[in-house]
Amino acid sequence: MRPKRPFVASLDQVKITRVGEEAIIEYADPGVWTTHFRMGPKINNLSDQEILDLFNEHIEASEQLRKQYEHVAIEIPPGKPQIEYDHTTGRWISRGDVLRCQIASDAPDIGPTIYIDEQELSWEEFGRLLDSHEGWGMRLVFVPDDELHLEPEIEVREPQEEEP
């Protein structure tokens, strides 16, 4: 089950542990993300309630920003590189928010190969590329390989059952 976002809580709903300059906030509900809340040296002078008050303020501010945020997905124009290799992290990263890809199953025992532009990514490399968007959601739309640059019409409905 996918973990739920942290919410404004009371002390009886969380357990707070200090590790260095971080407060680890663990909800009693195991379905809610545990959060490492970086506070710096001031953590040593705060009670659990004061830490929770600051964390709750952070949650409220984040929710307010989320409500105001209007996402515009950036698609890199065809012919320009959609991904680049980050030597610092040792992985491929996307330059925009839309990826035009092709799928090949050259070696079914190790998973599909994903082609982005002319770059061949293993299933593991593709997974690490997606990992850079942890916490976000995504939609996959499958299109013919010669229509990667087009936005398809989308119908929301159940697929049609095939006749026997």
C-alpha atoms as a PDB file:
ATOM      1  CA  MET A   1       0.000   0.000   0.000  1.00  0.00           C
ATOM      2  CA  ARG A   2       1.256   3.460  -0.892  1.00  0.00           C
ATOM      3  CA  PRO A   3       2.082   5.530   2.215  1.00  0.00           C
ATOM      4  CA  LYS A   4      -0.063   8.580   2.973  1.00  0.00           C
ATOM      5  CA  ARG A   5       1.328  12.093   3.325  1.00  0.00           C
ATOM      6  CA  PRO A   6       2.047  13.418   6.789  1.00  0.00           C
ATOM      7  CA  PHE A   7      -0.762  15.490   8.244  1.00  0.00           C
ATOM      8  CA  VAL A   8      -1.159  18.019  11.069  1.00  0.00           C
ATOM      9  CA  ALA A   9      -1.051  15.823  14.153  1.00  0.00           C
ATOM     10  CA  SER A  10      -1.188  15.906  17.934  1.00  0.00           C
ATOM     11  CA  LEU A  11       1.445  14.383  20.214  1.00  0.00           C
ATOM     12  CA  ASP A  12      -0.672  11.280  20.788  1.00  0.00           C
ATOM     13  CA  GLN A  13      -0.605  10.587  17.022  1.00  0.00           C
ATOM     14  CA  VAL A  14       3.182  10.654  16.598  1.00  0.00           C
ATOM     15  CA  LYS A  15       6.426   9.500  18.149  1.00  0.00           C
ATOM     16  CA  ILE A  16       9.315  11.970  17.969  1.00  0.00           C
ATOM     17  CA  THR A  17      12.915  10.753  18.125  1.00  0.00           C
ATOM     18  CA  ARG A  18      15.961  12.989  17.911  1.00  0.00           C
ATOM     19  CA  VAL A  19      18.965  11.917  15.851  1.00  0.00           C
ATOM     20  CA  GLY A  20      21.632  14.571  15.635  1.00  0.00           C
ATOM     21  CA  GLU A  21      19.960  17.707  14.311  1.00  0.00           C
ATOM     22  CA  GLU A  22      16.920  15.836  12.929  1.00  0.00           C
ATOM     23  CA  ALA A  23      13.582  15.032  14.482  1.00  0.00           C
ATOM     24  CA  ILE A  24      12.242  11.726  13.214  1.00  0.00           C
ATOM     25  CA  ILE A  25       8.474  12.000  13.246  1.00  0.00           C
ATOM     26  CA  GLU A  26       6.786   8.627  13.083  1.00  0.00           C
ATOM     27  CA  TYR A  27       3.007   8.460  12.975  1.00  0.00           C
ATOM     28  CA  ALA A  28       1.103   5.896  15.037  1.00  0.00           C
ATOM     29  CA  ASP A  29      -0.689   5.023  11.786  1.00  0.00           C
ATOM     30  CA  PRO A  30       1.863   2.831   9.946  1.00  0.00           C
ATOM     31  CA  GLY A  31       0.357   3.904   6.628  1.00  0.00           C
ATOM     32  CA  VAL A  32       1.736   7.463   6.970  1.00  0.00           C
ATOM     33  CA  TRP A  33       5.262   8.432   5.868  1.00  0.00           C
ATOM     34  CA  THR A  34       7.858   8.753   8.574  1.00  0.00           C
ATOM     35  CA  THR A  35       9.578  12.115   8.196  1.00  0.00           C
ATOM     36  CA  HIS A  36      13.134  13.205   8.986  1.00  0.00           C
ATOM     37  CA  PHE A  37      12.585  16.862   9.883  1.00  0.00           C
ATOM     38  CA  ARG A  38      15.902  18.741   9.776  1.00  0.00           C
ATOM     39  CA  MET A  39      16.008  21.401  12.436  1.00  0.00           C
ATOM     40  CA  GLY A  40      19.646  22.211  13.070  1.00  0.00           C
ATOM     41  CA  PRO A  41      21.176  22.760  16.509  1.00  0.00           C
ATOM     42  CA  LYS A  42      18.016  24.424  17.910  1.00  0.00           C
ATOM     43  CA  ILE A  43      16.527  20.942  18.222  1.00  0.00           C
ATOM     44  CA  ASN A  44      18.369  20.503  21.532  1.00  0.00           C
ATOM     45  CA  ASN A  45      16.399  23.347  23.155  1.00  0.00           C
ATOM     46  CA  LEU A  46      12.915  22.316  22.020  1.00  0.00           C
ATOM     47  CA  SER A  47      10.312  20.083  23.623  1.00  0.00           C
ATOM     48  CA  ASP A  48       8.519  17.425  21.607  1.00  0.00           C
ATOM     49  CA  GLN A  49       5.458  19.693  21.489  1.00  0.00           C
ATOM     50  CA  GLU A  50       7.533  22.604  20.146  1.00  0.00           C
ATOM     51  CA  ILE A  51       9.061  20.344  17.492  1.00  0.00           C
ATOM     52  CA  LEU A  52       5.605  19.083  16.529  1.00  0.00           C
ATOM     53  CA  ASP A  53       4.255  22.658  16.385  1.00  0.00           C
ATOM     54  CA  LEU A  54       7.028  23.618  13.933  1.00  0.00           C
ATOM     55  CA  PHE A  55       6.431  20.453  11.901  1.00  0.00           C
ATOM     56  CA  ASN A  56       2.680  21.113  11.785  1.00  0.00           C
ATOM     57  CA  GLU A  57       3.371  24.667  10.568  1.00  0.00           C
ATOM     58  CA  HIS A  58       5.560  23.159   7.840  1.00  0.00           C
ATOM     59  CA  ILE A  59       2.764  20.736   6.836  1.00  0.00           C
ATOM     60  CA  GLU A  60       0.203  23.570   6.695  1.00  0.00           C
ATOM     61  CA  ALA A  61       2.527  25.772   4.610  1.00  0.00           C
ATOM     62  CA  SER A  62       3.245  22.863   2.245  1.00  0.00           C
ATOM     63  CA  GLU A  63      -0.464  22.179   1.798  1.00  0.00           C
ATOM     64  CA  GLN A  64      -1.126  25.854   1.072  1.00  0.00           C
ATOM     65  CA  LEU A  65       1.620  25.860  -1.589  1.00  0.00           C
ATOM     66  CA  ARG A  66       0.254  22.626  -3.074  1.00  0.00           C
ATOM     67  CA  LYS A  67      -3.210  24.209  -3.394  1.00  0.00           C
ATOM     68  CA  GLN A  68      -1.782  27.294  -5.136  1.00  0.00           C
ATOM     69  CA  TYR A  69       0.585  25.388  -7.416  1.00  0.00           C
ATOM     70  CA  GLU A  70      -0.461  25.028 -11.042  1.00  0.00           C
ATOM     71  CA  HIS A  71       1.722  22.488 -12.774  1.00  0.00           C
ATOM     72  CA  VAL A  72       2.670  22.985 -16.402  1.00  0.00           C
ATOM     73  CA  ALA A  73       4.525  19.944 -17.709  1.00  0.00           C
ATOM     74  CA  ILE A  74       7.572  20.903 -19.770  1.00  0.00           C
ATOM     75  CA  GLU A  75       8.193  18.800 -22.872  1.00  0.00           C
ATOM     76  CA  ILE A  76      11.593  19.122 -24.511  1.00  0.00           C
ATOM     77  CA  PRO A  77      11.157  19.798 -28.266  1.00  0.00           C
ATOM     78  CA  PRO A  78      11.821  16.871 -30.648  1.00  0.00           C
ATOM     79  CA  GLY A  79      15.455  16.816 -31.731  1.00  0.00           C
ATOM     80  CA  LYS A  80      16.702  18.218 -28.404  1.00  0.00           C
ATOM     81  CA  PRO A  81      18.016  15.879 -25.667  1.00  0.00           C
ATOM     82  CA  GLN A  82      15.303  14.847 -23.207  1.00  0.00           C
ATOM     83  CA  ILE A  83      17.725  13.316 -20.718  1.00  0.00           C
ATOM     84  CA  GLU A  84      21.264  13.972 -19.595  1.00  0.00           C
ATOM     85  CA  TYR A  85      23.779  11.986 -17.597  1.00  0.00           C
ATOM     86  CA  ASP A  86      24.496  13.455 -14.176  1.00  0.00           C
ATOM     87  CA  HIS A  87      28.073  12.543 -13.279  1.00  0.00           C
ATOM     88  CA  THR A  88      27.517  13.625  -9.665  1.00  0.00           C
ATOM     89  CA  THR A  89      24.798  11.018  -9.048  1.00  0.00           C
ATOM     90  CA  GLY A  90      25.902   8.529 -11.715  1.00  0.00           C
ATOM     91  CA  ARG A  91      22.462   8.341 -13.314  1.00  0.00           C
ATOM     92  CA  TRP A  92      20.386   9.672 -16.161  1.00  0.00           C
ATOM     93  CA  ILE A  93      18.005  12.533 -15.337  1.00  0.00           C
ATOM     94  CA  SER A  94      15.178  14.035 -17.346  1.00  0.00           C
ATOM     95  CA  ARG A  95      15.481  17.618 -18.534  1.00  0.00           C
ATOM     96  CA  GLY A  96      11.715  18.102 -18.631  1.00  0.00           C
ATOM     97  CA  ASP A  97       8.515  16.561 -17.315  1.00  0.00           C
ATOM     98  CA  VAL A  98       7.503  14.557 -20.406  1.00  0.00           C
ATOM     99  CA  LEU A  99       9.524  11.655 -21.814  1.00  0.00           C
ATOM    100  CA  ARG A 100       9.006  10.243 -25.284  1.00  0.00           C
ATOM    101  CA  CYS A 101      10.260   6.652 -25.106  1.00  0.00           C
ATOM    102  CA  GLN A 102      10.258   3.409 -27.030  1.00  0.00           C
ATOM    103  CA  ILE A 103      10.148  -0.025 -25.418  1.00  0.00           C
ATOM    104  CA  ALA A 104      12.101  -3.041 -26.642  1.00  0.00           C
ATOM    105  CA  SER A 105      12.264  -6.510 -25.131  1.00  0.00           C
ATOM    106  CA  ASP A 106      15.604  -7.693 -26.459  1.00  0.00           C
ATOM    107  CA  ALA A 107      16.356  -9.707 -23.313  1.00  0.00           C
ATOM    108  CA  PRO A 108      13.102 -10.721 -21.587  1.00  0.00           C
ATOM    109  CA  ASP A 109      14.957 -12.327 -18.669  1.00  0.00           C
ATOM    110  CA  ILE A 110      16.376  -8.946 -17.539  1.00  0.00           C
ATOM    111  CA  GLY A 111      13.445  -6.691 -18.416  1.00  0.00           C
ATOM    112  CA  PRO A 112      12.725  -4.313 -21.236  1.00  0.00           C
ATOM    113  CA  THR A 113      15.120  -1.806 -22.736  1.00  0.00           C
ATOM    114  CA  ILE A 114      13.876   1.773 -22.883  1.00  0.00           C
ATOM    115  CA  TYR A 115      15.074   4.071 -25.654  1.00  0.00           C
ATOM    116  CA  ILE A 116      14.927   7.813 -25.033  1.00  0.00           C
ATOM    117  CA  ASP A 117      16.219   9.760 -28.012  1.00  0.00           C
ATOM    118  CA  GLU A 118      19.156   7.598 -29.137  1.00  0.00           C
ATOM    119  CA  GLN A 119      20.070   6.545 -25.590  1.00  0.00           C
ATOM    120  CA  GLU A 120      19.493   2.927 -24.567  1.00  0.00           C
ATOM    121  CA  LEU A 121      18.531   2.523 -20.899  1.00  0.00           C
ATOM    122  CA  SER A 122      18.278  -0.745 -19.024  1.00  0.00           C
ATOM    123  CA  TRP A 123      15.188  -1.286 -16.915  1.00  0.00           C
ATOM    124  CA  GLU A 124      17.337  -0.510 -13.847  1.00  0.00           C
ATOM    125  CA  GLU A 125      18.699   2.729 -15.350  1.00  0.00           C
ATOM    126  CA  PHE A 126      15.188   3.783 -16.334  1.00  0.00           C
ATOM    127  CA  GLY A 127      14.008   3.068 -12.782  1.00  0.00           C
ATOM    128  CA  ARG A 128      16.786   5.249 -11.352  1.00  0.00           C
ATOM    129  CA  LEU A 129      15.795   8.016 -13.777  1.00  0.00           C
ATOM    130  CA  LEU A 130      12.213   7.801 -12.477  1.00  0.00           C
ATOM    131  CA  ASP A 131      13.486   7.733  -8.889  1.00  0.00           C
ATOM    132  CA  SER A 132      14.568  11.364  -9.270  1.00  0.00           C
ATOM    133  CA  HIS A 133      10.822  12.197  -9.263  1.00  0.00           C
ATOM    134  CA  GLU A 134      10.097  10.341  -6.029  1.00  0.00           C
ATOM    135  CA  GLY A 135       6.950  11.707  -4.420  1.00  0.00           C
ATOM    136  CA  TRP A 136       5.427  12.777  -7.746  1.00  0.00           C
ATOM    137  CA  GLY A 137       2.864  10.881  -9.764  1.00  0.00           C
ATOM    138  CA  MET A 138       2.967   9.933 -13.417  1.00  0.00           C
ATOM    139  CA  ARG A 139       0.713   8.826 -16.231  1.00  0.00           C
ATOM    140  CA  LEU A 140       1.868   6.535 -18.994  1.00  0.00           C
ATOM    141  CA  VAL A 141       0.220   6.862 -22.383  1.00  0.00           C
ATOM    142  CA  PHE A 142       1.161   4.236 -24.955  1.00  0.00           C
ATOM    143  CA  VAL A 143       1.216   5.442 -28.563  1.00  0.00           C
ATOM    144  CA  PRO A 144       2.523   4.094 -31.884  1.00  0.00           C
ATOM    145  CA  ASP A 145       6.290   4.576 -32.133  1.00  0.00           C
ATOM    146  CA  ASP A 146       5.945   7.068 -34.986  1.00  0.00           C
ATOM    147  CA  GLU A 147       3.569   9.264 -32.960  1.00  0.00           C
ATOM    148  CA  LEU A 148       5.737   9.911 -29.902  1.00  0.00           C
ATOM    149  CA  HIS A 149       5.719  13.642 -30.584  1.00  0.00           C
ATOM    150  CA  LEU A 150       1.899  13.853 -30.765  1.00  0.00           C
ATOM    151  CA  GLU A 151      -0.465  14.148 -27.824  1.00  0.00           C
ATOM    152  CA  PRO A 152      -3.119  11.461 -28.318  1.00  0.00           C
ATOM    153  CA  GLU A 153      -6.807  11.831 -27.732  1.00  0.00           C
ATOM    154  CA  ILE A 154      -7.663  10.136 -24.444  1.00  0.00           C
ATOM    155  CA  GLU A 155     -10.994   8.529 -23.566  1.00  0.00           C
ATOM    156  CA  VAL A 156     -11.771   7.649 -19.964  1.00  0.00           C
ATOM    157  CA  ARG A 157     -13.728   4.360 -20.062  1.00  0.00           C
ATOM    158  CA  GLU A 158     -13.397   0.636 -19.533  1.00  0.00           C
ATOM    159  CA  PRO A 159     -11.699  -1.218 -22.407  1.00  0.00           C
ATOM    160  CA  GLN A 160     -14.006  -3.024 -24.786  1.00  0.00           C
ATOM    161  CA  GLU A 161     -14.292  -6.738 -24.254  1.00  0.00           C
ATOM    162  CA  GLU A 162     -13.119  -8.873 -27.157  1.00  0.00           C
ATOM    163  CA  GLU A 163     -15.596 -11.174 -28.827  1.00  0.00           C
ATOM    164  CA  PRO A 164     -14.857 -14.928 -28.361  1.00  0.00           C
END
